[in-house]
Amino acid sequence: AHPGAILLEMYIKPMKVTITEAADALGVSRKHVSAIINGRVPVTPDMAMRLAGVFGTEAELWVNMQAQYDLWVVTQKAPPNVKPLRQAA
């Protein structure tokens, strides 16, 4: 799942806060939080720090979730056209 889905389901909904309240706490626009929740934009390291501060988590949690999601997206596409390097004998 995109980290935005986790943000919504495991933090925003259980805490019964609105997206506007979360955006205010994070110091960003409601539109930006909505874009994260809807998977339209990634969780950047800056946003990971903000999320950690607001929701009492570690920034690495959000960065790792984003990295895992990004890697999953790439694996759903055709493999990259690469040529393995071999060491000279």
Protein backbone atom coordinates (compact mmCIF):
# COMPACT_ATOMS: atom_id res chain seq x y z
CA ALA A 1 0.00 0.00 0.00
CA HIS A 2 1.05 3.58 -0.59
CA PRO A 3 2.13 5.26 2.65
CA GLY A 4 -0.79 7.66 2.24
CA ALA A 5 -3.24 4.79 2.65
CA ILE A 6 -1.46 3.79 5.87
CA LEU A 7 -1.53 7.39 7.05
CA LEU A 8 -5.28 7.55 6.56
CA GLU A 9 -6.25 4.14 7.91
CA MET A 10 -3.83 3.80 10.83
CA TYR A 11 -3.42 7.37 11.99
CA ILE A 12 -5.94 9.92 10.74
CA LYS A 13 -9.12 7.84 10.99
CA PRO A 14 -8.36 6.21 14.38
CA MET A 15 -7.42 9.59 15.84
CA LYS A 16 -10.64 11.06 14.45
CA VAL A 17 -8.88 14.06 12.96
CA THR A 18 -9.81 15.69 9.69
CA ILE A 19 -7.43 16.07 6.77
CA THR A 20 -7.53 19.81 7.42
CA GLU A 21 -6.52 19.31 11.07
CA ALA A 22 -3.72 16.96 10.03
CA ALA A 23 -2.52 19.44 7.41
CA ASP A 24 -2.49 22.25 9.97
CA ALA A 25 -0.48 20.13 12.41
CA LEU A 26 1.94 19.14 9.64
CA GLY A 27 2.35 22.73 8.46
CA VAL A 28 1.28 21.96 4.89
CA SER A 29 -1.80 22.49 2.78
CA ARG A 30 -4.88 20.30 2.93
CA LYS A 31 -4.39 19.70 -0.79
CA HIS A 32 -0.92 18.27 -0.17
CA VAL A 33 -2.09 15.88 2.55
CA SER A 34 -4.97 14.81 0.33
CA ALA A 35 -2.53 14.13 -2.53
CA ILE A 36 -0.43 11.92 -0.24
CA ILE A 37 -3.48 10.06 1.06
CA ASN A 38 -4.70 9.46 -2.48
CA GLY A 39 -1.28 8.20 -3.62
CA ARG A 40 -0.69 11.05 -6.06
CA VAL A 41 2.52 12.28 -4.43
CA PRO A 42 5.22 10.45 -2.48
CA VAL A 43 6.18 10.88 1.15
CA THR A 44 9.41 12.88 0.92
CA PRO A 45 12.07 12.87 3.64
CA ASP A 46 10.81 16.30 4.75
CA MET A 47 7.25 15.01 5.02
CA ALA A 48 8.51 11.90 6.81
CA MET A 49 10.04 14.15 9.47
CA ARG A 50 6.79 16.07 9.78
CA LEU A 51 4.71 12.89 10.04
CA ALA A 52 7.07 11.51 12.67
CA GLY A 53 6.75 14.64 14.75
CA VAL A 54 2.96 14.84 14.51
CA PHE A 55 2.10 11.16 14.88
CA GLY A 56 4.89 10.07 17.24
CA THR A 57 6.62 7.70 14.84
CA GLU A 58 10.09 7.48 13.35
CA ALA A 59 10.81 9.27 10.07
CA GLU A 60 12.43 6.06 8.82
CA LEU A 61 9.06 4.33 8.99
CA TRP A 62 7.59 6.66 6.37
CA VAL A 63 10.72 6.73 4.20
CA ASN A 64 10.92 2.92 4.23
CA MET A 65 7.23 2.55 3.38
CA GLN A 66 7.67 4.90 0.44
CA ALA A 67 10.80 3.06 -0.76
CA GLN A 68 9.02 -0.31 -0.54
CA TYR A 69 6.03 1.08 -2.43
CA ASP A 70 8.27 2.62 -5.11
CA LEU A 71 10.15 -0.67 -5.55
CA TRP A 72 6.87 -2.58 -5.82
CA VAL A 73 5.67 -0.17 -8.54
CA VAL A 74 8.87 -0.71 -10.51
CA THR A 75 8.59 -4.52 -10.23
CA GLN A 76 5.13 -4.35 -11.81
CA LYS A 77 6.67 -2.98 -15.02
CA ALA A 78 8.94 -4.63 -17.56
CA PRO A 79 12.45 -5.20 -16.18
CA PRO A 80 14.99 -2.53 -17.11
CA ASN A 81 17.21 -3.19 -20.12
CA VAL A 82 20.58 -3.67 -18.43
CA LYS A 83 23.76 -5.57 -19.18
CA PRO A 84 25.48 -7.28 -16.23
CA LEU A 85 29.15 -6.36 -15.75
CA ARG A 86 31.67 -9.12 -15.35
CA GLN A 87 35.06 -8.83 -13.68
CA ALA A 88 38.08 -9.22 -15.90
CA ALA A 89 40.03 -12.44 -15.29
